[in-house]
C-alpha atoms as a PDB file:
ATOM      1  CA  MET A   1      20.564 200.694  90.162  1.00  0.00           C
ATOM      2  CA  GLY A   2      16.914 199.822  89.176  1.00  0.00           C
ATOM      3  CA  ALA A   3      18.584 196.167  87.804  1.00  0.00           C
ATOM      4  CA  VAL A   4      20.713 195.641  90.679  1.00  0.00           C
ATOM      5  CA  LEU A   5      17.317 196.266  92.750  1.00  0.00           C
ATOM      6  CA  PHE A   6      15.601 194.186  90.909  1.00  0.00           C
ATOM      7  CA  SER A   7      18.152 191.258  90.647  1.00  0.00           C
ATOM      8  CA  GLU A   8      18.570 191.774  95.007  1.00  0.00           C
ATOM      9  CA  LEU A   9      14.810 191.323  95.514  1.00  0.00           C
ATOM     10  CA  TRP A  10      14.346 188.050  92.943  1.00  0.00           C
ATOM     11  CA  LEU A  11      17.255 186.614  94.649  1.00  0.00           C
ATOM     12  CA  LEU A  12      15.176 187.323  98.226  1.00  0.00           C
ATOM     13  CA  SER A  13      12.323 185.899  96.532  1.00  0.00           C
ATOM     14  CA  ALA A  14      14.341 183.003  95.814  1.00  0.00           C
ATOM     15  CA  MET A  15      15.793 182.484  98.892  1.00  0.00           C
ATOM     16  CA  ASP A  16      11.948 182.857 100.746  1.00  0.00           C
ATOM     17  CA  ALA A  17      10.580 179.885  98.416  1.00  0.00           C
ATOM     18  CA  ARG A  18      13.425 177.405 100.430  1.00  0.00           C
ATOM     19  CA  GLN A  19      11.691 175.038 102.906  1.00  0.00           C
ATOM     20  CA  GLN A  20      13.437 173.441 105.269  1.00  0.00           C
ATOM     21  CA  SER A  21      13.386 169.781 106.437  1.00  0.00           C
ATOM     22  CA  PRO A  22      15.008 168.957 110.129  1.00  0.00           C
ATOM     23  CA  SER A  23      15.183 165.555 108.900  1.00  0.00           C
ATOM     24  CA  THR A  24      17.778 166.507 105.933  1.00  0.00           C
ATOM     25  CA  ALA A  25      20.417 167.785 108.218  1.00  0.00           C
ATOM     26  CA  ARG A  26      20.657 164.219 109.811  1.00  0.00           C
ATOM     27  CA  ASN A  27      20.452 162.134 107.228  1.00  0.00           C
ATOM     28  CA  ARG A  28      22.213 163.880 104.120  1.00  0.00           C
ATOM     29  CA  GLU A  29      25.476 162.286 105.110  1.00  0.00           C
ATOM     30  CA  PRO A  30      24.530 158.718 105.162  1.00  0.00           C
ATOM     31  CA  ILE A  31      22.375 158.379 103.006  1.00  0.00           C
ATOM     32  CA  LEU A  32      25.343 160.496 100.264  1.00  0.00           C
ATOM     33  CA  GLU A  33      27.961 157.821 101.650  1.00  0.00           C
ATOM     34  CA  GLN A  34      25.789 155.294  99.591  1.00  0.00           C
ATOM     35  CA  LEU A  35      24.890 156.903  96.603  1.00  0.00           C
ATOM     36  CA  GLN A  36      28.667 157.280  96.643  1.00  0.00           C
ATOM     37  CA  ARG A  37      29.206 153.178  97.456  1.00  0.00           C
ATOM     38  CA  LEU A  38      26.559 152.772  94.768  1.00  0.00           C
ATOM     39  CA  LEU A  39      27.175 155.057  91.996  1.00  0.00           C
ATOM     40  CA  PRO A  40      29.447 155.985  89.153  1.00  0.00           C
ATOM     41  CA  ALA A  41      31.168 159.407  89.557  1.00  0.00           C
ATOM     42  CA  GLU A  42      29.248 160.584  86.085  1.00  0.00           C
ATOM     43  CA  ALA A  43      25.589 158.887  86.811  1.00  0.00           C
ATOM     44  CA  ARG A  44      22.049 160.274  85.413  1.00  0.00           C
ATOM     45  CA  VAL A  45      19.763 159.693  88.677  1.00  0.00           C
ATOM     46  CA  LEU A  46      15.981 160.668  88.685  1.00  0.00           C
ATOM     47  CA  GLU A  47      14.425 161.831  92.438  1.00  0.00           C
ATOM     48  CA  ILE A  48      11.217 161.102  93.139  1.00  0.00           C
ATOM     49  CA  ALA A  49       8.999 163.354  95.374  1.00  0.00           C
ATOM     50  CA  SER A  50      12.604 165.855  96.209  1.00  0.00           C
ATOM     51  CA  GLY A  51      10.348 167.203  98.841  1.00  0.00           C
ATOM     52  CA  THR A  52      12.254 170.901  99.905  1.00  0.00           C
ATOM     53  CA  GLY A  53      15.087 170.154  97.277  1.00  0.00           C
ATOM     54  CA  GLU A  54      17.981 169.912  99.996  1.00  0.00           C
ATOM     55  CA  HIS A  55      18.722 166.678  99.464  1.00  0.00           C
ATOM     56  CA  ALA A  56      18.831 167.487  95.501  1.00  0.00           C
ATOM     57  CA  ALA A  57      21.212 170.761  96.604  1.00  0.00           C
ATOM     58  CA  PHE A  58      23.435 168.727  98.952  1.00  0.00           C
ATOM     59  CA  PHE A  59      24.252 165.797  96.611  1.00  0.00           C
ATOM     60  CA  ALA A  60      24.642 167.693  93.316  1.00  0.00           C
ATOM     61  CA  ALA A  61      27.197 169.650  94.931  1.00  0.00           C
ATOM     62  CA  ALA A  62      29.030 166.787  96.487  1.00  0.00           C
ATOM     63  CA  MET A  63      29.121 165.199  92.983  1.00  0.00           C
ATOM     64  CA  PRO A  64      29.270 167.242  90.113  1.00  0.00           C
ATOM     65  CA  GLY A  65      28.845 164.396  87.865  1.00  0.00           C
ATOM     66  CA  TRP A  66      25.778 163.807  88.322  1.00  0.00           C
ATOM     67  CA  ASP A  67      23.157 164.824  86.238  1.00  0.00           C
ATOM     68  CA  TRP A  68      20.797 165.336  88.774  1.00  0.00           C
ATOM     69  CA  GLN A  69      16.132 165.177  87.788  1.00  0.00           C
ATOM     70  CA  ALA A  70      14.398 166.547  90.730  1.00  0.00           C
ATOM     71  CA  SER A  71      10.427 166.047  90.948  1.00  0.00           C
ATOM     72  CA  ASP A  72       7.777 166.889  93.139  1.00  0.00           C
ATOM     73  CA  PRO A  73       3.963 166.757  92.250  1.00  0.00           C
ATOM     74  CA  ASP A  74       3.572 169.730  94.501  1.00  0.00           C
ATOM     75  CA  GLN A  75       4.092 173.307  93.331  1.00  0.00           C
ATOM     76  CA  ALA A  76       5.409 175.058  96.296  1.00  0.00           C
ATOM     77  CA  ALA A  77       8.071 171.744  96.814  1.00  0.00           C
ATOM     78  CA  ARG A  78       8.855 172.835  93.171  1.00  0.00           C
ATOM     79  CA  ALA A  79       9.784 176.315  94.034  1.00  0.00           C
ATOM     80  CA  SER A  80      11.991 175.275  97.147  1.00  0.00           C
ATOM     81  CA  ILE A  81      13.931 172.583  94.708  1.00  0.00           C
ATOM     82  CA  ALA A  82      14.230 175.180  92.230  1.00  0.00           C
ATOM     83  CA  ALA A  83      15.272 178.125  94.909  1.00  0.00           C
ATOM     84  CA  TRP A  84      17.508 175.959  96.749  1.00  0.00           C
ATOM     85  CA  CYS A  85      19.519 174.573  93.148  1.00  0.00           C
ATOM     86  CA  GLU A  86      19.249 178.071  91.515  1.00  0.00           C
ATOM     87  CA  GLY A  87      22.732 177.892  89.814  1.00  0.00           C
ATOM     88  CA  MET A  88      23.653 174.480  89.692  1.00  0.00           C
ATOM     89  CA  ALA A  89      24.681 173.519  86.740  1.00  0.00           C
ATOM     90  CA  ASN A  90      24.195 169.187  87.190  1.00  0.00           C
ATOM     91  CA  VAL A  91      20.906 169.911  88.284  1.00  0.00           C
ATOM     92  CA  ARG A  92      17.670 170.086  85.985  1.00  0.00           C
ATOM     93  CA  PRO A  93      14.737 171.843  86.510  1.00  0.00           C
ATOM     94  CA  PRO A  94      12.036 170.053  88.744  1.00  0.00           C
ATOM     95  CA  VAL A  95       9.667 168.621  87.297  1.00  0.00           C
ATOM     96  CA  ALA A  96       5.618 167.708  88.291  1.00  0.00           C
ATOM     97  CA  LEU A  97       5.775 164.280  89.077  1.00  0.00           C
ATOM     98  CA  ASP A  98       3.112 161.846  90.762  1.00  0.00           C
ATOM     99  CA  ALA A  99       4.450 158.729  91.499  1.00  0.00           C
ATOM    100  CA  SER A 100       1.326 156.736  90.950  1.00  0.00           C
ATOM    101  CA  ALA A 101       0.922 158.024  87.604  1.00  0.00           C
ATOM    102  CA  ALA A 102       0.411 155.936  84.429  1.00  0.00           C
ATOM    103  CA  ALA A 103       3.204 158.492  82.849  1.00  0.00           C
ATOM    104  CA  TRP A 104       6.108 159.949  84.124  1.00  0.00           C
ATOM    105  CA  LEU A 105       6.800 163.082  81.467  1.00  0.00           C
ATOM    106  CA  VAL A 106      10.254 162.057  82.089  1.00  0.00           C
ATOM    107  CA  GLU A 107      12.635 160.500  79.243  1.00  0.00           C
ATOM    108  CA  GLY A 108      14.922 157.759  80.600  1.00  0.00           C
ATOM    109  CA  PRO A 109      16.913 155.668  80.816  1.00  0.00           C
ATOM    110  CA  PHE A 110      18.309 157.078  83.860  1.00  0.00           C
ATOM    111  CA  ASP A 111      21.472 154.858  86.409  1.00  0.00           C
ATOM    112  CA  ALA A 112      19.551 155.774  88.922  1.00  0.00           C
ATOM    113  CA  VAL A 113      16.035 155.953  90.396  1.00  0.00           C
ATOM    114  CA  LEU A 114      16.030 157.751  94.489  1.00  0.00           C
ATOM    115  CA  ALA A 115      13.185 157.799  96.322  1.00  0.00           C
ATOM    116  CA  ILE A 116      13.903 159.556 100.918  1.00  0.00           C
ATOM    117  CA  ASN A 117      10.986 159.352 102.680  1.00  0.00           C
ATOM    118  CA  MET A 118       8.219 158.393 100.443  1.00  0.00           C
ATOM    119  CA  ILE A 119       7.056 154.877 100.716  1.00  0.00           C
ATOM    120  CA  HIS A 120       5.837 155.464 104.243  1.00  0.00           C
ATOM    121  CA  ILE A 121       4.416 158.919 103.700  1.00  0.00           C
ATOM    122  CA  ALA A 122       2.338 157.898 100.649  1.00  0.00           C
ATOM    123  CA  PRO A 123      -0.697 155.900  99.647  1.00  0.00           C
ATOM    124  CA  TRP A 124       0.170 152.336  99.190  1.00  0.00           C
ATOM    125  CA  GLU A 125      -0.576 152.945  95.315  1.00  0.00           C
ATOM    126  CA  ALA A 126       2.340 155.306  95.061  1.00  0.00           C
ATOM    127  CA  THR A 127       4.577 152.259  96.131  1.00  0.00           C
ATOM    128  CA  LEU A 128       3.234 150.415  93.280  1.00  0.00           C
ATOM    129  CA  GLY A 129       3.722 153.313  90.881  1.00  0.00           C
ATOM    130  CA  LEU A 130       7.320 153.772  91.886  1.00  0.00           C
ATOM    131  CA  MET A 131       8.504 150.327  91.343  1.00  0.00           C
ATOM    132  CA  ALA A 132       6.655 150.324  87.898  1.00  0.00           C
ATOM    133  CA  GLY A 133       8.077 153.862  86.692  1.00  0.00           C
ATOM    134  CA  ALA A 134      11.501 152.935  87.876  1.00  0.00           C
ATOM    135  CA  GLY A 135      10.558 149.638  85.865  1.00  0.00           C
ATOM    136  CA  ARG A 136      10.622 151.640  82.438  1.00  0.00           C
ATOM    137  CA  LEU A 137      12.940 154.153  83.223  1.00  0.00           C
ATOM    138  CA  LEU A 138      16.109 152.437  84.536  1.00  0.00           C
ATOM    139  CA  ARG A 139      18.667 151.336  82.243  1.00  0.00           C
ATOM    140  CA  PRO A 140      19.302 147.705  82.421  1.00  0.00           C
ATOM    141  CA  GLY A 141      21.472 147.206  86.062  1.00  0.00           C
ATOM    142  CA  GLY A 142      20.108 150.424  87.007  1.00  0.00           C
ATOM    143  CA  LEU A 143      19.563 151.338  90.658  1.00  0.00           C
ATOM    144  CA  LEU A 144      16.116 151.823  92.309  1.00  0.00           C
ATOM    145  CA  LEU A 145      17.274 153.332  95.678  1.00  0.00           C
ATOM    146  CA  THR A 146      14.485 153.674  98.507  1.00  0.00           C
ATOM    147  CA  TYR A 147      15.385 155.536 102.068  1.00  0.00           C
ATOM    148  CA  GLY A 148      12.846 155.506 105.277  1.00  0.00           C
ATOM    149  CA  ALA A 149      11.435 153.243 107.997  1.00  0.00           C
ATOM    150  CA  TYR A 150      10.287 149.781 107.441  1.00  0.00           C
ATOM    151  CA  LYS A 151       9.078 146.809 109.189  1.00  0.00           C
ATOM    152  CA  ARG A 152      10.841 143.327 109.235  1.00  0.00           C
ATOM    153  CA  ASP A 153       8.704 140.159 109.105  1.00  0.00           C
ATOM    154  CA  GLY A 154       5.932 142.121 110.108  1.00  0.00           C
ATOM    155  CA  ALA A 155       7.388 143.762 112.812  1.00  0.00           C
ATOM    156  CA  HIS A 156       9.202 146.798 113.669  1.00  0.00           C
ATOM    157  CA  THR A 157      12.387 147.485 113.935  1.00  0.00           C
ATOM    158  CA  ALA A 158      12.704 149.740 116.937  1.00  0.00           C
ATOM    159  CA  PRO A 159       9.801 151.186 119.183  1.00  0.00           C
ATOM    160  CA  SER A 160      10.256 154.623 117.752  1.00  0.00           C
ATOM    161  CA  ASN A 161       8.956 153.588 114.574  1.00  0.00           C
ATOM    162  CA  GLU A 162       5.818 151.926 115.894  1.00  0.00           C
ATOM    163  CA  GLU A 163       5.377 155.554 117.170  1.00  0.00           C
ATOM    164  CA  PHE A 164       6.333 157.132 113.916  1.00  0.00           C
ATOM    165  CA  GLU A 165       3.438 154.751 112.303  1.00  0.00           C
ATOM    166  CA  GLN A 166       0.795 155.828 114.548  1.00  0.00           C
ATOM    167  CA  TRP A 167       1.383 159.373 113.945  1.00  0.00           C
ATOM    168  CA  LEU A 168       1.452 158.900 110.306  1.00  0.00           C
ATOM    169  CA  LYS A 169      -1.706 156.776 110.096  1.00  0.00           C
ATOM    170  CA  ALA A 170      -3.368 159.584 112.212  1.00  0.00           C
ATOM    171  CA  ARG A 171      -2.316 161.778 109.646  1.00  0.00           C
ATOM    172  CA  ASP A 172      -3.720 159.529 106.933  1.00  0.00           C
ATOM    173  CA  PRO A 173      -5.151 155.763 107.416  1.00  0.00           C
ATOM    174  CA  ARG A 174      -3.533 155.158 103.773  1.00  0.00           C
ATOM    175  CA  PHE A 175      -0.162 155.869 104.953  1.00  0.00           C
ATOM    176  CA  GLY A 176       2.759 153.624 107.367  1.00  0.00           C
ATOM    177  CA  VAL A 177       5.177 152.208 107.672  1.00  0.00           C
ATOM    178  CA  ARG A 178       5.910 149.214 105.047  1.00  0.00           C
ATOM    179  CA  ASP A 179       7.586 145.918 104.903  1.00  0.00           C
ATOM    180  CA  ILE A 180      10.173 145.026 103.400  1.00  0.00           C
ATOM    181  CA  ALA A 181       8.818 142.231 101.753  1.00  0.00           C
ATOM    182  CA  ASP A 182       6.048 143.956 100.582  1.00  0.00           C
ATOM    183  CA  VAL A 183       8.319 145.967  99.355  1.00  0.00           C
ATOM    184  CA  GLU A 184      10.058 143.827  97.303  1.00  0.00           C
ATOM    185  CA  ALA A 185       7.456 141.904  95.851  1.00  0.00           C
ATOM    186  CA  ALA A 186       5.958 145.085  94.596  1.00  0.00           C
ATOM    187  CA  ALA A 187       9.301 145.617  92.933  1.00  0.00           C
ATOM    188  CA  ASN A 188       9.329 141.876  91.642  1.00  0.00           C
ATOM    189  CA  ALA A 189       6.466 142.234  89.884  1.00  0.00           C
ATOM    190  CA  GLN A 190       8.447 145.139  87.889  1.00  0.00           C
ATOM    191  CA  GLY A 191      11.840 143.531  86.763  1.00  0.00           C
ATOM    192  CA  LEU A 192      13.556 144.883  90.104  1.00  0.00           C
ATOM    193  CA  ARG A 193      15.495 142.996  92.403  1.00  0.00           C
ATOM    194  CA  LEU A 194      16.339 143.736  95.653  1.00  0.00           C
ATOM    195  CA  ARG A 195      20.187 143.436  95.892  1.00  0.00           C
ATOM    196  CA  GLU A 196      20.923 145.171  99.248  1.00  0.00           C
ATOM    197  CA  ALA A 197      18.796 145.854 102.772  1.00  0.00           C
ATOM    198  CA  VAL A 198      21.579 148.251 104.417  1.00  0.00           C
ATOM    199  CA  GLU A 199      20.753 149.174 107.916  1.00  0.00           C
ATOM    200  CA  MET A 200      21.385 153.286 108.401  1.00  0.00           C
ATOM    201  CA  PRO A 201      20.906 155.549 111.919  1.00  0.00           C
ATOM    202  CA  ALA A 202      17.900 156.051 113.694  1.00  0.00           C
ATOM    203  CA  ASN A 203      16.010 152.815 112.707  1.00  0.00           C
ATOM    204  CA  ASN A 204      16.355 153.063 108.756  1.00  0.00           C
ATOM    205  CA  PHE A 205      17.095 151.619 105.879  1.00  0.00           C
ATOM    206  CA  VAL A 206      18.453 151.710 102.321  1.00  0.00           C
ATOM    207  CA  LEU A 207      16.989 149.414  99.847  1.00  0.00           C
ATOM    208  CA  VAL A 208      18.443 149.029  97.053  1.00  0.00           C
ATOM    209  CA  PHE A 209      16.901 147.558  94.109  1.00  0.00           C
ATOM    210  CA  GLU A 210      18.636 146.434  90.229  1.00  0.00           C
ATOM    211  CA  ARG A 211      16.638 146.479  87.146  1.00  0.00           C
ATOM    212  CA  LEU A 212      17.216 143.505  85.707  1.00  0.00           C
ATOM    213  CA  GLY A 213      18.386 142.974  81.868  1.00  0.00           C
ATOM    214  CA  ASP A 214      16.429 142.753  78.916  1.00  0.00           C
ATOM    215  CA  ASP A 215      15.520 139.183  77.653  1.00  0.00           C
END
């Protein structure tokens, strides 16, 4: 009886750690469609800034052949990721990873690196670190996939994105909706080329970068 009670209490504790993001339910299916289009049925994926872990759980459940490595610098987020992904054989325990750090405590190579809604809610240094880390850890031909709001040619693609950027900068002046050209330049410096800019619902994009082969 005691063991059963302990198990029930542990489960409640794990569920209590689960954070939720309202945007996940809106964007997870369109993002999954792009991932399924771009990645093979068996792939090793590193997700940067996994946040609540809801995306990791949804994507890994849909594609059991994907070996999913979630990460986040925040301890509470990692607890949420672990709770959402509890019992999933193809999801590894989340690791503490700051995209802007000079070294990432994970070992490649990966078939894909994924960053959802990270670039605009982080200082620019995080984008530079994301590109550097992807350049190090992706296999030749591997993909860096970023999702979020972007500017094109210095202009917002919708009034709602301009309002969103004002809200971001009110939170932290270092945040902001980045221009695709600036993100592409940062990627090019790390041996990544922009293959596609896919328009997504709600004025977002998936940017698809490919790691060039070693000389």
